[in-house]
């Protein structure tokens, strides 16, 4: 009897989750679509600048360490005596 009860509860939970996901999926897709559209509109507005207009980005995206220099790859080798 306990096994039958477990199967009945598992099937009930499965269908309940299926129903909830079907209800939430369109909402999540619409919310994601709205965010993408807002980002595209923001980028479009940034690109529409008048000729001769100058803009300065106050927050640089490249924050590299000026003390660190990229001098190339280090190759470890051993000398072979002949």
PDB file of N, CA and C in Angstrom:
ATOM      1  N   UNK A   1       0.819  -1.191   0.000  1.00  0.00           N
ATOM      2  CA  UNK A   1       0.000   0.000   0.000  1.00  0.00           C
ATOM      3  C   UNK A   1       0.866   1.260   0.000  1.00  0.00           C
ATOM      4  N   UNK A   2       2.015   1.227   0.689  1.00  0.00           N
ATOM      5  CA  UNK A   2       2.901   2.386   0.757  1.00  0.00           C
ATOM      6  C   UNK A   2       3.504   2.685  -0.616  1.00  0.00           C
ATOM      7  N   UNK A   3       3.813   1.623  -1.366  1.00  0.00           N
ATOM      8  CA  UNK A   3       4.371   1.819  -2.704  1.00  0.00           C
ATOM      9  C   UNK A   3       3.347   2.491  -3.619  1.00  0.00           C
ATOM     10  N   UNK A   4       2.096   2.067  -3.533  1.00  0.00           N
ATOM     11  CA  UNK A   4       1.029   2.674  -4.335  1.00  0.00           C
ATOM     12  C   UNK A   4       0.852   4.157  -3.968  1.00  0.00           C
ATOM     13  N   UNK A   5       0.930   4.451  -2.660  1.00  0.00           N
ATOM     14  CA  UNK A   5       0.815   5.826  -2.189  1.00  0.00           C
ATOM     15  C   UNK A   5       1.972   6.668  -2.724  1.00  0.00           C
ATOM     16  N   UNK A   6       3.193   6.118  -2.698  1.00  0.00           N
ATOM     17  CA  UNK A   6       4.374   6.818  -3.218  1.00  0.00           C
ATOM     18  C   UNK A   6       4.211   7.109  -4.711  1.00  0.00           C
ATOM     19  N   UNK A   7       3.778   6.115  -5.476  1.00  0.00           N
ATOM     20  CA  UNK A   7       3.588   6.297  -6.924  1.00  0.00           C
ATOM     21  C   UNK A   7       2.533   7.366  -7.178  1.00  0.00           C
ATOM     22  N   UNK A   8       1.445   7.351  -6.435  1.00  0.00           N
ATOM     23  CA  UNK A   8       0.375   8.332  -6.601  1.00  0.00           C
ATOM     24  C   UNK A   8       0.882   9.749  -6.297  1.00  0.00           C
ATOM     25  N   UNK A   9       1.658   9.906  -5.236  1.00  0.00           N
ATOM     26  CA  UNK A   9       2.209  11.219  -4.880  1.00  0.00           C
ATOM     27  C   UNK A   9       3.223  11.666  -5.930  1.00  0.00           C
ATOM     28  N   UNK A  10       4.074  10.767  -6.396  1.00  0.00           N
ATOM     29  CA  UNK A  10       5.084  11.116  -7.407  1.00  0.00           C
ATOM     30  C   UNK A  10       4.420  11.578  -8.698  1.00  0.00           C
ATOM     31  N   UNK A  11       3.391  10.889  -9.127  1.00  0.00           N
ATOM     32  CA  UNK A  11       2.678  11.280 -10.348  1.00  0.00           C
ATOM     33  C   UNK A  11       1.993  12.631 -10.137  1.00  0.00           C
ATOM     34  N   UNK A  12       1.420  12.839  -8.967  1.00  0.00           N
ATOM     35  CA  UNK A  12       0.771  14.118  -8.655  1.00  0.00           C
ATOM     36  C   UNK A  12       1.767  15.268  -8.665  1.00  0.00           C
ATOM     37  N   UNK A  13       2.924  15.059  -8.072  1.00  0.00           N
ATOM     38  CA  UNK A  13       3.962  16.098  -8.072  1.00  0.00           C
ATOM     39  C   UNK A  13       4.444  16.357  -9.485  1.00  0.00           C
ATOM     40  N   UNK A  14       4.609  15.316 -10.272  1.00  0.00           N
ATOM     41  CA  UNK A  14       5.049  15.475 -11.664  1.00  0.00           C
ATOM     42  C   UNK A  14       4.079  16.354 -12.446  1.00  0.00           C
ATOM     43  N   UNK A  15       2.788  16.052 -12.352  1.00  0.00           N
ATOM     44  CA  UNK A  15       1.800  16.833 -13.098  1.00  0.00           C
ATOM     45  C   UNK A  15       1.670  18.256 -12.543  1.00  0.00           C
ATOM     46  N   UNK A  16       1.838  18.419 -11.241  1.00  0.00           N
ATOM     47  CA  UNK A  16       1.795  19.756 -10.644  1.00  0.00           C
ATOM     48  C   UNK A  16       2.965  20.605 -11.144  1.00  0.00           C
ATOM     49  N   UNK A  17       4.174  20.045 -11.160  1.00  0.00           N
ATOM     50  CA  UNK A  17       5.336  20.762 -11.679  1.00  0.00           C
ATOM     51  C   UNK A  17       5.172  21.067 -13.163  1.00  0.00           C
ATOM     52  N   UNK A  18       4.632  20.129 -13.899  1.00  0.00           N
ATOM     53  CA  UNK A  18       4.398  20.334 -15.329  1.00  0.00           C
ATOM     54  C   UNK A  18       3.440  21.500 -15.556  1.00  0.00           C
ATOM     55  N   UNK A  19       2.408  21.588 -14.757  1.00  0.00           N
ATOM     56  CA  UNK A  19       1.431  22.673 -14.858  1.00  0.00           C
ATOM     57  C   UNK A  19       2.065  24.011 -14.492  1.00  0.00           C
ATOM     58  N   UNK A  20       2.850  24.036 -13.424  1.00  0.00           N
ATOM     59  CA  UNK A  20       3.508  25.279 -12.995  1.00  0.00           C
ATOM     60  C   UNK A  20       4.494  25.752 -14.055  1.00  0.00           C
ATOM     61  N   UNK A  21       5.266  24.851 -14.610  1.00  0.00           N
ATOM     62  CA  UNK A  21       6.241  25.224 -15.644  1.00  0.00           C
ATOM     63  C   UNK A  21       5.529  25.749 -16.877  1.00  0.00           C
ATOM     64  N   UNK A  22       4.432  25.142 -17.273  1.00  0.00           N
ATOM     65  CA  UNK A  22       3.673  25.636 -18.428  1.00  0.00           C
ATOM     66  C   UNK A  22       3.123  27.032 -18.175  1.00  0.00           C
ATOM     67  N   UNK A  23       2.779  27.341 -16.937  1.00  0.00           N
ATOM     68  CA  UNK A  23       2.240  28.655 -16.608  1.00  0.00           C
ATOM     69  C   UNK A  23       3.353  29.698 -16.537  1.00  0.00           C
ATOM     70  N   UNK A  24       4.527  29.319 -16.058  1.00  0.00           N
ATOM     71  CA  UNK A  24       5.617  30.275 -15.842  1.00  0.00           C
ATOM     72  C   UNK A  24       6.472  30.501 -17.085  1.00  0.00           C
ATOM     73  N   UNK A  25       6.570  29.544 -17.979  1.00  0.00           N
ATOM     74  CA  UNK A  25       7.464  29.639 -19.129  1.00  0.00           C
ATOM     75  C   UNK A  25       7.173  30.852 -20.014  1.00  0.00           C
ATOM     76  N   UNK A  26       5.926  31.111 -20.402  1.00  0.00           N
ATOM     77  CA  UNK A  26       5.674  32.301 -21.231  1.00  0.00           C
ATOM     78  C   UNK A  26       6.062  33.599 -20.528  1.00  0.00           C
ATOM     79  N   UNK A  27       5.842  33.667 -19.220  1.00  0.00           N
ATOM     80  CA  UNK A  27       6.216  34.849 -18.453  1.00  0.00           C
ATOM     81  C   UNK A  27       7.734  35.055 -18.481  1.00  0.00           C
ATOM     82  N   UNK A  28       8.491  33.989 -18.274  1.00  0.00           N
ATOM     83  CA  UNK A  28       9.947  34.097 -18.264  1.00  0.00           C
ATOM     84  C   UNK A  28      10.493  34.460 -19.640  1.00  0.00           C
ATOM     85  N   UNK A  29       9.912  33.898 -20.687  1.00  0.00           N
ATOM     86  CA  UNK A  29      10.339  34.215 -22.049  1.00  0.00           C
ATOM     87  C   UNK A  29      10.048  35.675 -22.362  1.00  0.00           C
ATOM     88  N   UNK A  30       8.876  36.152 -21.982  1.00  0.00           N
ATOM     89  CA  UNK A  30       8.511  37.549 -22.236  1.00  0.00           C
ATOM     90  C   UNK A  30       9.433  38.498 -21.476  1.00  0.00           C
ATOM     91  N   UNK A  31       9.755  38.164 -20.240  1.00  0.00           N
ATOM     92  CA  UNK A  31      10.645  39.007 -19.433  1.00  0.00           C
ATOM     93  C   UNK A  31      12.042  39.053 -20.054  1.00  0.00           C
ATOM     94  N   UNK A  32      12.548  37.928 -20.508  1.00  0.00           N
ATOM     95  CA  UNK A  32      13.859  37.880 -21.159  1.00  0.00           C
ATOM     96  C   UNK A  32      13.842  38.666 -22.464  1.00  0.00           C
ATOM     97  N   UNK A  33      12.774  38.539 -23.229  1.00  0.00           N
ATOM     98  CA  UNK A  33      12.651  39.276 -24.482  1.00  0.00           C
ATOM     99  C   UNK A  33      12.630  40.779 -24.228  1.00  0.00           C
ATOM    100  N   UNK A  34      11.916  41.208 -23.188  1.00  0.00           N
ATOM    101  CA  UNK A  34      11.855  42.633 -22.853  1.00  0.00           C
ATOM    102  C   UNK A  34      13.237  43.171 -22.475  1.00  0.00           C
ATOM    103  N   UNK A  35      13.996  42.404 -21.703  1.00  0.00           N
ATOM    104  CA  UNK A  35      15.345  42.833 -21.326  1.00  0.00           C
ATOM    105  C   UNK A  35      16.243  42.960 -22.556  1.00  0.00           C
ATOM    106  N   UNK A  36      16.147  42.001 -23.463  1.00  0.00           N
ATOM    107  CA  UNK A  36      16.962  42.050 -24.679  1.00  0.00           C
ATOM    108  C   UNK A  36      16.578  43.255 -25.530  1.00  0.00           C
ATOM    109  N   UNK A  37      15.287  43.549 -25.612  1.00  0.00           N
ATOM    110  CA  UNK A  37      14.835  44.684 -26.413  1.00  0.00           C
ATOM    111  C   UNK A  37      15.282  46.003 -25.793  1.00  0.00           C
ATOM    112  N   UNK A  38      15.240  46.113 -24.475  1.00  0.00           N
ATOM    113  CA  UNK A  38      15.709  47.327 -23.813  1.00  0.00           C
ATOM    114  C   UNK A  38      17.202  47.533 -24.051  1.00  0.00           C
ATOM    115  N   UNK A  39      17.973  46.458 -23.987  1.00  0.00           N
ATOM    116  CA  UNK A  39      19.416  46.554 -24.235  1.00  0.00           C
ATOM    117  C   UNK A  39      19.688  46.971 -25.679  1.00  0.00           C
ATOM    118  N   UNK A  40      18.939  46.421 -26.617  1.00  0.00           N
ATOM    119  CA  UNK A  40      19.117  46.791 -28.027  1.00  0.00           C
ATOM    120  C   UNK A  40      18.751  48.256 -28.244  1.00  0.00           C
ATOM    121  N   UNK A  41      17.685  48.715 -27.611  1.00  0.00           N
ATOM    122  CA  UNK A  41      17.295  50.124 -27.734  1.00  0.00           C
ATOM    123  C   UNK A  41      18.356  51.041 -27.132  1.00  0.00           C
ATOM    124  N   UNK A  42      18.918  50.640 -25.999  1.00  0.00           N
ATOM    125  CA  UNK A  42      19.967  51.444 -25.368  1.00  0.00           C
ATOM    126  C   UNK A  42      21.193  51.541 -26.268  1.00  0.00           C
ATOM    127  N   UNK A  43      21.584  50.432 -26.872  1.00  0.00           N
ATOM    128  CA  UNK A  43      22.735  50.447 -27.770  1.00  0.00           C
ATOM    129  C   UNK A  43      22.440  51.273 -29.014  1.00  0.00           C
ATOM    130  N   UNK A  44      21.216  51.220 -29.502  1.00  0.00           N
ATOM    131  CA  UNK A  44      20.828  52.004 -30.670  1.00  0.00           C
ATOM    132  C   UNK A  44      20.909  53.488 -30.362  1.00  0.00           C
ATOM    133  N   UNK A  45      20.483  53.896 -29.172  1.00  0.00           N
ATOM    134  CA  UNK A  45      20.531  55.300 -28.791  1.00  0.00           C
ATOM    135  C   UNK A  45      21.967  55.778 -28.638  1.00  0.00           C
ATOM    136  N   UNK A  46      22.849  54.913 -28.153  1.00  0.00           N
ATOM    137  CA  UNK A  46      24.255  55.295 -28.018  1.00  0.00           C
ATOM    138  C   UNK A  46      24.906  55.502 -29.381  1.00  0.00           C
ATOM    139  N   UNK A  47      24.489  54.730 -30.375  1.00  0.00           N
ATOM    140  CA  UNK A  47      25.099  54.819 -31.697  1.00  0.00           C
ATOM    141  C   UNK A  47      24.597  56.023 -32.480  1.00  0.00           C
ATOM    142  N   UNK A  48      23.416  56.530 -32.138  1.00  0.00           N
ATOM    143  CA  UNK A  48      22.853  57.665 -32.854  1.00  0.00           C
ATOM    144  C   UNK A  48      23.408  58.964 -32.279  1.00  0.00           C
ATOM    145  N   UNK A  49      24.572  59.350 -32.718  1.00  0.00           N
ATOM    146  CA  UNK A  49      25.199  60.589 -32.269  1.00  0.00           C
ATOM    147  C   UNK A  49      25.339  61.517 -33.458  1.00  0.00           C
ATOM    148  N   UNK A  50      25.279  62.794 -33.167  1.00  0.00           N
ATOM    149  CA  UNK A  50      25.414  63.781 -34.232  1.00  0.00           C
ATOM    150  C   UNK A  50      26.865  63.845 -34.683  1.00  0.00           C
ATOM    151  N   UNK A  51      27.054  64.276 -35.916  1.00  0.00           N
ATOM    152  CA  UNK A  51      28.385  64.388 -36.474  1.00  0.00           C
ATOM    153  C   UNK A  51      29.173  65.426 -35.693  1.00  0.00           C
ATOM    154  N   UNK A  52      30.385  65.072 -35.301  1.00  0.00           N
ATOM    155  CA  UNK A  52      31.251  65.978 -34.552  1.00  0.00           C
ATOM    156  C   UNK A  52      31.062  65.899 -33.050  1.00  0.00           C
ATOM    157  N   UNK A  53      30.094  65.129 -32.581  1.00  0.00           N
ATOM    158  CA  UNK A  53      29.859  65.010 -31.143  1.00  0.00           C
ATOM    159  C   UNK A  53      30.903  64.079 -30.535  1.00  0.00           C
ATOM    160  N   UNK A  54      31.438  64.473 -29.404  1.00  0.00           N
ATOM    161  CA  UNK A  54      32.476  63.697 -28.741  1.00  0.00           C
ATOM    162  C   UNK A  54      31.930  63.193 -27.412  1.00  0.00           C
ATOM    163  N   UNK A  55      32.169  61.920 -27.124  1.00  0.00           N
ATOM    164  CA  UNK A  55      31.759  61.367 -25.835  1.00  0.00           C
ATOM    165  C   UNK A  55      32.957  60.678 -25.200  1.00  0.00           C
ATOM    166  N   UNK A  56      33.042  60.796 -23.885  1.00  0.00           N
ATOM    167  CA  UNK A  56      34.155  60.203 -23.134  1.00  0.00           C
ATOM    168  C   UNK A  56      33.586  59.176 -22.174  1.00  0.00           C
ATOM    169  N   UNK A  57      34.125  57.982 -22.232  1.00  0.00           N
ATOM    170  CA  UNK A  57      33.694  56.917 -21.345  1.00  0.00           C
ATOM    171  C   UNK A  57      34.458  57.056 -20.032  1.00  0.00           C
ATOM    172  N   UNK A  58      33.739  57.338 -18.960  1.00  0.00           N
ATOM    173  CA  UNK A  58      34.369  57.563 -17.656  1.00  0.00           C
ATOM    174  C   UNK A  58      34.803  56.255 -16.991  1.00  0.00           C
ATOM    175  N   UNK A  59      34.168  55.161 -17.310  1.00  0.00           N
ATOM    176  CA  UNK A  59      34.484  53.871 -16.706  1.00  0.00           C
ATOM    177  C   UNK A  59      35.228  53.008 -17.711  1.00  0.00           C
ATOM    178  N   UNK A  60      36.542  52.968 -17.655  1.00  0.00           N
ATOM    179  CA  UNK A  60      37.268  52.133 -18.619  1.00  0.00           C
ATOM    180  C   UNK A  60      36.983  50.656 -18.369  1.00  0.00           C
ATOM    181  N   UNK A  61      36.783  49.927 -19.447  1.00  0.00           N
ATOM    182  CA  UNK A  61      36.489  48.502 -19.320  1.00  0.00           C
ATOM    183  C   UNK A  61      37.758  47.669 -19.200  1.00  0.00           C
ATOM    184  N   UNK A  62      38.887  48.196 -19.661  1.00  0.00           N
ATOM    185  CA  UNK A  62      40.147  47.462 -19.610  1.00  0.00           C
ATOM    186  C   UNK A  62      40.924  47.919 -18.390  1.00  0.00           C
ATOM    187  N   UNK A  63      40.872  47.147 -17.321  1.00  0.00           N
ATOM    188  CA  UNK A  63      41.583  47.483 -16.092  1.00  0.00           C
ATOM    189  C   UNK A  63      42.761  46.528 -15.940  1.00  0.00           C
ATOM    190  N   UNK A  64      43.794  46.759 -16.698  1.00  0.00           N
ATOM    191  CA  UNK A  64      44.951  45.888 -16.619  1.00  0.00           C
ATOM    192  C   UNK A  64      45.978  46.493 -15.681  1.00  0.00           C
ATOM    193  N   UNK A  65      46.807  45.657 -15.132  1.00  0.00           N
ATOM    194  CA  UNK A  65      47.850  46.100 -14.215  1.00  0.00           C
ATOM    195  C   UNK A  65      49.002  46.685 -15.037  1.00  0.00           C
ATOM    196  N   UNK A  66      49.354  47.977 -14.839  1.00  0.00           N
ATOM    197  CA  UNK A  66      50.420  48.570 -15.644  1.00  0.00           C
ATOM    198  C   UNK A  66      51.796  47.985 -15.327  1.00  0.00           C
ATOM    199  N   UNK A  67      51.980  47.389 -14.150  1.00  0.00           N
ATOM    200  CA  UNK A  67      53.276  46.803 -13.793  1.00  0.00           C
ATOM    201  C   UNK A  67      53.490  45.446 -14.459  1.00  0.00           C
ATOM    202  N   UNK A  68      52.425  44.790 -14.824  1.00  0.00           N
ATOM    203  CA  UNK A  68      52.520  43.471 -15.440  1.00  0.00           C
ATOM    204  C   UNK A  68      52.786  43.645 -16.932  1.00  0.00           C
ATOM    205  N   UNK A  69      53.877  43.070 -17.390  1.00  0.00           N
ATOM    206  CA  UNK A  69      54.223  43.174 -18.805  1.00  0.00           C
ATOM    207  C   UNK A  69      54.129  41.799 -19.448  1.00  0.00           C
ATOM    208  N   UNK A  70      53.589  41.774 -20.635  1.00  0.00           N
ATOM    209  CA  UNK A  70      53.490  40.533 -21.385  1.00  0.00           C
ATOM    210  C   UNK A  70      54.712  40.453 -22.300  1.00  0.00           C
ATOM    211  N   UNK A  71      55.704  39.680 -21.884  1.00  0.00           N
ATOM    212  CA  UNK A  71      56.940  39.602 -22.655  1.00  0.00           C
ATOM    213  C   UNK A  71      57.024  38.328 -23.475  1.00  0.00           C
ATOM    214  N   UNK A  72      56.044  37.468 -23.395  1.00  0.00           N
ATOM    215  CA  UNK A  72      56.063  36.255 -24.199  1.00  0.00           C
ATOM    216  C   UNK A  72      55.938  35.013 -23.337  1.00  0.00           C
ATOM    217  N   UNK A  73      56.061  33.871 -23.970  1.00  0.00           N
ATOM    218  CA  UNK A  73      55.930  32.605 -23.278  1.00  0.00           C
ATOM    219  C   UNK A  73      57.290  32.148 -22.763  1.00  0.00           C
ATOM    220  N   UNK A  74      57.299  31.516 -21.601  1.00  0.00           N
ATOM    221  CA  UNK A  74      58.512  30.955 -21.039  1.00  0.00           C
ATOM    222  C   UNK A  74      58.551  29.477 -21.383  1.00  0.00           C
ATOM    223  N   UNK A  75      59.637  29.055 -21.978  1.00  0.00           N
ATOM    224  CA  UNK A  75      59.796  27.661 -22.351  1.00  0.00           C
ATOM    225  C   UNK A  75      60.917  27.060 -21.502  1.00  0.00           C
ATOM    226  N   UNK A  76      60.596  26.056 -20.727  1.00  0.00           N
ATOM    227  CA  UNK A  76      61.563  25.380 -19.895  1.00  0.00           C
ATOM    228  C   UNK A  76      62.257  24.296 -20.719  1.00  0.00           C
ATOM    229  N   UNK A  77      63.565  24.241 -20.662  1.00  0.00           N
ATOM    230  CA  UNK A  77      64.288  23.250 -21.435  1.00  0.00           C
ATOM    231  C   UNK A  77      65.479  22.743 -20.650  1.00  0.00           C
ATOM    232  N   UNK A  78      66.000  21.608 -21.069  1.00  0.00           N
ATOM    233  CA  UNK A  78      67.191  21.031 -20.441  1.00  0.00           C
ATOM    234  C   UNK A  78      68.260  20.863 -21.508  1.00  0.00           C
ATOM    235  N   UNK A  79      69.492  21.102 -21.102  1.00  0.00           N
ATOM    236  CA  UNK A  79      70.581  20.906 -22.043  1.00  0.00           C
ATOM    237  C   UNK A  79      70.941  19.428 -22.093  1.00  0.00           C
ATOM    238  N   UNK A  80      71.214  18.944 -23.295  1.00  0.00           N
ATOM    239  CA  UNK A  80      71.548  17.545 -23.471  1.00  0.00           C
ATOM    240  C   UNK A  80      73.028  17.444 -23.815  1.00  0.00           C
ATOM    241  N   UNK A  81      73.808  16.652 -23.038  1.00  0.00           N
ATOM    242  CA  UNK A  81      75.235  16.443 -23.308  1.00  0.00           C
ATOM    243  C   UNK A  81      75.390  15.357 -24.349  1.00  0.00           C
ATOM    244  N   UNK A  82      76.290  15.607 -25.288  1.00  0.00           N
ATOM    245  CA  UNK A  82      76.521  14.609 -26.316  1.00  0.00           C
ATOM    246  C   UNK A  82      77.816  13.878 -26.093  1.00  0.00           C
TER     247      UNK A  82
END
